[in-house]
Amino acid sequence: MSARPDPFRTHVADQVLAALAEAAPMPLSTPQVQDRTGYGMRHGQLAYQVLTRLAKDGQVERFAAPGVKPVFWRTLAPVTSLPPLTVTTDQDRRRKP
């Protein structure tokens, strides 16, 4: 995306991500996202545009059965790498019971 999104669209994106995170791990349909964010039928196009932008950025996943509506959305879990597990044999560093 070449242009920076305006603050209102950023606000809508935050609301959409919060609604999807609250429903995780279950996906939400587009109408369910609209209902949970308060952007119902009147602002449905705005919610859909934000969802497609988030999908393009890799923050949400869009999936649907071929030829079936509605489309479902879910957040993608962030990839976190954990530090390697270390074992200490030093008696002084062990926890006291």
C-alpha atoms as a PDB file:
ATOM      1  CA  MET A   1       0.000   0.000   0.000  1.00  0.00           C
ATOM      2  CA  SER A   2       1.611   3.245  -1.108  1.00  0.00           C
ATOM      3  CA  ALA A   3      -0.504   5.793   0.754  1.00  0.00           C
ATOM      4  CA  ARG A   4      -0.839   5.903   4.506  1.00  0.00           C
ATOM      5  CA  PRO A   5      -4.360   5.040   5.647  1.00  0.00           C
ATOM      6  CA  ASP A   6      -6.277   7.855   7.245  1.00  0.00           C
ATOM      7  CA  PRO A   7      -6.841   7.775  11.024  1.00  0.00           C
ATOM      8  CA  PHE A   8     -10.487   6.756  10.662  1.00  0.00           C
ATOM      9  CA  ARG A   9      -9.664   3.667   8.590  1.00  0.00           C
ATOM     10  CA  THR A  10      -6.941   2.791  11.090  1.00  0.00           C
ATOM     11  CA  HIS A  11      -9.558   3.051  13.840  1.00  0.00           C
ATOM     12  CA  VAL A  12     -11.941   0.800  11.898  1.00  0.00           C
ATOM     13  CA  ALA A  13      -9.132  -1.697  11.273  1.00  0.00           C
ATOM     14  CA  ASP A  14      -8.370  -1.797  14.999  1.00  0.00           C
ATOM     15  CA  GLN A  15     -12.039  -2.477  15.748  1.00  0.00           C
ATOM     16  CA  VAL A  16     -12.184  -5.239  13.136  1.00  0.00           C
ATOM     17  CA  LEU A  17      -9.029  -6.882  14.474  1.00  0.00           C
ATOM     18  CA  ALA A  18     -10.397  -6.688  18.024  1.00  0.00           C
ATOM     19  CA  ALA A  19     -13.670  -8.324  16.967  1.00  0.00           C
ATOM     20  CA  LEU A  20     -11.826 -11.121  15.184  1.00  0.00           C
ATOM     21  CA  ALA A  21      -9.444 -11.630  18.106  1.00  0.00           C
ATOM     22  CA  GLU A  22     -12.362 -11.802  20.530  1.00  0.00           C
ATOM     23  CA  ALA A  23     -13.998 -14.547  18.460  1.00  0.00           C
ATOM     24  CA  ALA A  24     -10.759 -16.513  17.908  1.00  0.00           C
ATOM     25  CA  PRO A  25     -10.289 -19.353  17.115  1.00  0.00           C
ATOM     26  CA  MET A  26     -13.715 -19.324  15.447  1.00  0.00           C
ATOM     27  CA  PRO A  27     -13.959 -17.368  12.195  1.00  0.00           C
ATOM     28  CA  LEU A  28     -16.531 -14.629  11.659  1.00  0.00           C
ATOM     29  CA  SER A  29     -18.552 -13.959   8.548  1.00  0.00           C
ATOM     30  CA  THR A  30     -18.514 -10.487   7.019  1.00  0.00           C
ATOM     31  CA  PRO A  31     -21.995  -9.672   8.434  1.00  0.00           C
ATOM     32  CA  GLN A  32     -20.895 -10.850  11.894  1.00  0.00           C
ATOM     33  CA  VAL A  33     -17.843  -8.561  11.735  1.00  0.00           C
ATOM     34  CA  GLN A  34     -20.110  -5.688  10.724  1.00  0.00           C
ATOM     35  CA  ASP A  35     -22.468  -6.387  13.634  1.00  0.00           C
ATOM     36  CA  ARG A  36     -19.701  -6.726  16.233  1.00  0.00           C
ATOM     37  CA  THR A  37     -18.005  -3.506  15.167  1.00  0.00           C
ATOM     38  CA  GLY A  38     -21.203  -1.514  14.787  1.00  0.00           C
ATOM     39  CA  TYR A  39     -20.640  -0.930  11.071  1.00  0.00           C
ATOM     40  CA  GLY A  40     -23.811  -2.618   9.892  1.00  0.00           C
ATOM     41  CA  MET A  41     -25.411  -2.544   6.470  1.00  0.00           C
ATOM     42  CA  ARG A  42     -24.994   1.215   6.100  1.00  0.00           C
ATOM     43  CA  HIS A  43     -21.187   1.010   6.375  1.00  0.00           C
ATOM     44  CA  GLY A  44     -20.774  -2.560   5.164  1.00  0.00           C
ATOM     45  CA  GLN A  45     -18.589  -1.554   2.233  1.00  0.00           C
ATOM     46  CA  LEU A  46     -16.178   0.192   4.605  1.00  0.00           C
ATOM     47  CA  ALA A  47     -15.865  -2.908   6.793  1.00  0.00           C
ATOM     48  CA  TYR A  48     -15.323  -5.104   3.729  1.00  0.00           C
ATOM     49  CA  GLN A  49     -12.648  -2.764   2.334  1.00  0.00           C
ATOM     50  CA  VAL A  50     -10.816  -2.814   5.665  1.00  0.00           C
ATOM     51  CA  LEU A  51     -11.033  -6.620   5.820  1.00  0.00           C
ATOM     52  CA  THR A  52      -9.618  -6.987   2.320  1.00  0.00           C
ATOM     53  CA  ARG A  53      -6.800  -4.543   3.126  1.00  0.00           C
ATOM     54  CA  LEU A  54      -5.956  -6.506   6.282  1.00  0.00           C
ATOM     55  CA  ALA A  55      -5.973  -9.726   4.240  1.00  0.00           C
ATOM     56  CA  LYS A  56      -3.624  -8.172   1.703  1.00  0.00           C
ATOM     57  CA  ASP A  57      -1.300  -7.128   4.543  1.00  0.00           C
ATOM     58  CA  GLY A  58      -1.372 -10.683   5.937  1.00  0.00           C
ATOM     59  CA  GLN A  59      -3.092  -9.843   9.218  1.00  0.00           C
ATOM     60  CA  VAL A  60      -6.313 -11.764   8.544  1.00  0.00           C
ATOM     61  CA  GLU A  61      -7.227 -14.753   6.417  1.00  0.00           C
ATOM     62  CA  ARG A  62     -10.184 -14.874   4.071  1.00  0.00           C
ATOM     63  CA  PHE A  63     -11.769 -18.199   3.239  1.00  0.00           C
ATOM     64  CA  ALA A  64     -15.021 -19.451   1.778  1.00  0.00           C
ATOM     65  CA  ALA A  65     -16.400 -22.456   0.027  1.00  0.00           C
ATOM     66  CA  PRO A  66     -16.596 -21.954  -3.745  1.00  0.00           C
ATOM     67  CA  GLY A  67     -19.803 -20.218  -4.740  1.00  0.00           C
ATOM     68  CA  VAL A  68     -21.006 -19.826  -1.158  1.00  0.00           C
ATOM     69  CA  LYS A  69     -21.692 -16.599   0.674  1.00  0.00           C
ATOM     70  CA  PRO A  70     -20.841 -15.188   3.164  1.00  0.00           C
ATOM     71  CA  VAL A  71     -17.079 -15.037   3.250  1.00  0.00           C
ATOM     72  CA  PHE A  72     -15.450 -15.906   6.570  1.00  0.00           C
ATOM     73  CA  TRP A  73     -12.475 -14.166   8.182  1.00  0.00           C
ATOM     74  CA  ARG A  74     -10.059 -15.008  10.978  1.00  0.00           C
ATOM     75  CA  THR A  75      -6.912 -13.468  12.367  1.00  0.00           C
ATOM     76  CA  LEU A  76      -3.575 -15.023  11.621  1.00  0.00           C
ATOM     77  CA  ALA A  77      -1.565 -15.834  14.718  1.00  0.00           C
ATOM     78  CA  PRO A  78       1.660 -13.874  14.862  1.00  0.00           C
ATOM     79  CA  VAL A  79       4.743 -15.964  14.393  1.00  0.00           C
ATOM     80  CA  THR A  80       6.863 -15.810  17.522  1.00  0.00           C
ATOM     81  CA  SER A  81      10.113 -17.615  17.978  1.00  0.00           C
ATOM     82  CA  LEU A  82      10.833 -18.745  21.483  1.00  0.00           C
ATOM     83  CA  PRO A  83      14.344 -18.738  22.901  1.00  0.00           C
ATOM     84  CA  PRO A  84      16.000 -22.133  23.115  1.00  0.00           C
ATOM     85  CA  LEU A  85      15.322 -24.114  26.261  1.00  0.00           C
ATOM     86  CA  THR A  86      18.360 -24.329  28.487  1.00  0.00           C
ATOM     87  CA  VAL A  87      18.976 -26.631  31.400  1.00  0.00           C
ATOM     88  CA  THR A  88      21.147 -25.543  34.251  1.00  0.00           C
ATOM     89  CA  THR A  89      23.116 -27.905  36.412  1.00  0.00           C
ATOM     90  CA  ASP A  90      24.361 -25.179  38.721  1.00  0.00           C
ATOM     91  CA  GLN A  91      22.992 -25.944  42.209  1.00  0.00           C
ATOM     92  CA  ASP A  92      22.988 -22.254  43.210  1.00  0.00           C
ATOM     93  CA  ARG A  93      20.671 -21.270  40.343  1.00  0.00           C
ATOM     94  CA  ARG A  94      18.034 -23.904  41.066  1.00  0.00           C
ATOM     95  CA  ARG A  95      14.891 -22.912  42.888  1.00  0.00           C
ATOM     96  CA  LYS A  96      14.719 -23.687  46.568  1.00  0.00           C
ATOM     97  CA  PRO A  97      11.711 -25.884  47.490  1.00  0.00           C
END
